[in-house]
């Protein structure tokens, strides 16, 4: 899987998550030790020396995007949960 496909897949999956647990599982699937992005990063060594810096930078940008998106999703879920609790009181 290339970086673009991985980014598209993350975007699709992140649009489907609804709970904190699902968000954490999503993050783990992409950034965990055996995650999609981690697997892709291990193969950077197979690239030519000319391609490595660019692909590495793009992979790091995707990693940052995934982290930021997951953090934003977690904040949204927590905020919605607080609003529901306040509405119940």
C-alpha atoms as a PDB file:
ATOM      1  CA  UNK A   1       0.000   0.000   0.000  1.00  0.00           C
ATOM      2  CA  UNK A   2       1.385   3.420  -0.893  1.00  0.00           C
ATOM      3  CA  UNK A   3       1.105   6.603   1.182  1.00  0.00           C
ATOM      4  CA  UNK A   4      -1.793   8.035  -0.812  1.00  0.00           C
ATOM      5  CA  UNK A   5      -3.823   4.842  -0.482  1.00  0.00           C
ATOM      6  CA  UNK A   6      -3.029   4.749   3.215  1.00  0.00           C
ATOM      7  CA  UNK A   7      -4.129   8.356   3.646  1.00  0.00           C
ATOM      8  CA  UNK A   8      -7.363   7.685   1.750  1.00  0.00           C
ATOM      9  CA  UNK A   9      -8.052   4.598   3.837  1.00  0.00           C
ATOM     10  CA  UNK A  10      -7.451   6.532   7.058  1.00  0.00           C
ATOM     11  CA  UNK A  11      -9.808   9.292   5.915  1.00  0.00           C
ATOM     12  CA  UNK A  12     -12.530   6.769   5.141  1.00  0.00           C
ATOM     13  CA  UNK A  13     -12.130   4.924   8.415  1.00  0.00           C
ATOM     14  CA  UNK A  14     -11.851   8.064  10.540  1.00  0.00           C
ATOM     15  CA  UNK A  15     -15.180   9.272   9.166  1.00  0.00           C
ATOM     16  CA  UNK A  16     -16.819   6.132  10.574  1.00  0.00           C
ATOM     17  CA  UNK A  17     -15.594   6.222  14.193  1.00  0.00           C
ATOM     18  CA  UNK A  18     -18.088   7.192  16.884  1.00  0.00           C
ATOM     19  CA  UNK A  19     -16.495   6.368  20.236  1.00  0.00           C
ATOM     20  CA  UNK A  20     -13.228   6.949  22.063  1.00  0.00           C
ATOM     21  CA  UNK A  21     -12.490   3.238  21.884  1.00  0.00           C
ATOM     22  CA  UNK A  22     -12.969   3.176  18.104  1.00  0.00           C
ATOM     23  CA  UNK A  23     -10.671   6.193  17.723  1.00  0.00           C
ATOM     24  CA  UNK A  24      -7.939   4.568  19.794  1.00  0.00           C
ATOM     25  CA  UNK A  25      -8.277   1.356  17.790  1.00  0.00           C
ATOM     26  CA  UNK A  26      -8.063   3.342  14.553  1.00  0.00           C
ATOM     27  CA  UNK A  27      -4.919   5.094  15.743  1.00  0.00           C
ATOM     28  CA  UNK A  28      -3.398   1.777  16.740  1.00  0.00           C
ATOM     29  CA  UNK A  29      -4.232   0.207  13.357  1.00  0.00           C
ATOM     30  CA  UNK A  30      -2.323   2.952  11.577  1.00  0.00           C
ATOM     31  CA  UNK A  31       0.402   4.017  14.023  1.00  0.00           C
ATOM     32  CA  UNK A  32       0.813   1.020  16.310  1.00  0.00           C
ATOM     33  CA  UNK A  33       3.864  -1.205  16.352  1.00  0.00           C
ATOM     34  CA  UNK A  34       2.331  -3.446  13.681  1.00  0.00           C
ATOM     35  CA  UNK A  35       0.223  -0.696  12.134  1.00  0.00           C
ATOM     36  CA  UNK A  36      -0.162   0.188   8.482  1.00  0.00           C
ATOM     37  CA  UNK A  37       2.112   3.241   8.562  1.00  0.00           C
ATOM     38  CA  UNK A  38       4.703   1.526  10.741  1.00  0.00           C
ATOM     39  CA  UNK A  39       4.875  -1.308   8.245  1.00  0.00           C
ATOM     40  CA  UNK A  40       5.306   1.136   5.409  1.00  0.00           C
ATOM     41  CA  UNK A  41       8.085   2.978   7.282  1.00  0.00           C
ATOM     42  CA  UNK A  42      10.017  -0.257   7.737  1.00  0.00           C
ATOM     43  CA  UNK A  43      10.179  -0.579   3.961  1.00  0.00           C
ATOM     44  CA  UNK A  44      11.722   2.856   3.440  1.00  0.00           C
ATOM     45  CA  UNK A  45      15.130   1.206   3.591  1.00  0.00           C
ATOM     46  CA  UNK A  46      14.244  -0.680   0.429  1.00  0.00           C
ATOM     47  CA  UNK A  47      13.954   2.566  -1.525  1.00  0.00           C
ATOM     48  CA  UNK A  48      16.774   4.190  -3.427  1.00  0.00           C
ATOM     49  CA  UNK A  49      18.808   6.735  -1.451  1.00  0.00           C
ATOM     50  CA  UNK A  50      17.335   9.489  -3.642  1.00  0.00           C
ATOM     51  CA  UNK A  51      13.730   8.521  -2.873  1.00  0.00           C
ATOM     52  CA  UNK A  52      14.095   7.935   0.872  1.00  0.00           C
ATOM     53  CA  UNK A  53      14.141  11.565   2.071  1.00  0.00           C
ATOM     54  CA  UNK A  54      11.007  12.525   0.136  1.00  0.00           C
ATOM     55  CA  UNK A  55       9.054   9.385   1.049  1.00  0.00           C
ATOM     56  CA  UNK A  56      10.208   9.691   4.663  1.00  0.00           C
ATOM     57  CA  UNK A  57       9.049  13.300   4.858  1.00  0.00           C
ATOM     58  CA  UNK A  58       5.682  12.406   3.318  1.00  0.00           C
ATOM     59  CA  UNK A  59       5.285   9.500   5.735  1.00  0.00           C
ATOM     60  CA  UNK A  60       6.051  11.786   8.675  1.00  0.00           C
ATOM     61  CA  UNK A  61       3.463  14.290   7.440  1.00  0.00           C
ATOM     62  CA  UNK A  62       0.883  11.516   7.242  1.00  0.00           C
ATOM     63  CA  UNK A  63       1.811  10.344  10.737  1.00  0.00           C
ATOM     64  CA  UNK A  64       1.320  13.858  12.067  1.00  0.00           C
ATOM     65  CA  UNK A  65      -2.016  14.145  10.263  1.00  0.00           C
ATOM     66  CA  UNK A  66      -3.200  10.856  11.754  1.00  0.00           C
ATOM     67  CA  UNK A  67      -2.154  11.903  15.264  1.00  0.00           C
ATOM     68  CA  UNK A  68      -3.815  15.313  14.951  1.00  0.00           C
ATOM     69  CA  UNK A  69      -7.001  13.881  13.463  1.00  0.00           C
ATOM     70  CA  UNK A  70      -7.297  11.255  16.192  1.00  0.00           C
ATOM     71  CA  UNK A  71      -6.730  13.893  18.868  1.00  0.00           C
ATOM     72  CA  UNK A  72      -9.377  16.122  17.314  1.00  0.00           C
ATOM     73  CA  UNK A  73     -11.827  13.220  17.074  1.00  0.00           C
ATOM     74  CA  UNK A  74     -11.237  12.321  20.724  1.00  0.00           C
ATOM     75  CA  UNK A  75     -11.896  15.892  21.786  1.00  0.00           C
ATOM     76  CA  UNK A  76     -15.108  15.959  19.753  1.00  0.00           C
ATOM     77  CA  UNK A  77     -16.359  12.681  21.243  1.00  0.00           C
ATOM     78  CA  UNK A  78     -15.582  13.870  24.782  1.00  0.00           C
ATOM     79  CA  UNK A  79     -17.294  17.197  24.174  1.00  0.00           C
ATOM     80  CA  UNK A  80     -20.388  15.470  22.794  1.00  0.00           C
ATOM     81  CA  UNK A  81     -20.422  13.097  25.757  1.00  0.00           C
ATOM     82  CA  UNK A  82     -20.259  16.026  28.188  1.00  0.00           C
ATOM     83  CA  UNK A  83     -23.086  17.789  26.357  1.00  0.00           C
ATOM     84  CA  UNK A  84     -25.258  14.675  26.550  1.00  0.00           C
ATOM     85  CA  UNK A  85     -24.598  14.354  30.280  1.00  0.00           C
ATOM     86  CA  UNK A  86     -25.402  18.010  30.869  1.00  0.00           C
ATOM     87  CA  UNK A  87     -28.613  17.608  28.881  1.00  0.00           C
ATOM     88  CA  UNK A  88     -29.638  14.688  31.080  1.00  0.00           C
ATOM     89  CA  UNK A  89     -29.272  16.719  34.282  1.00  0.00           C
END
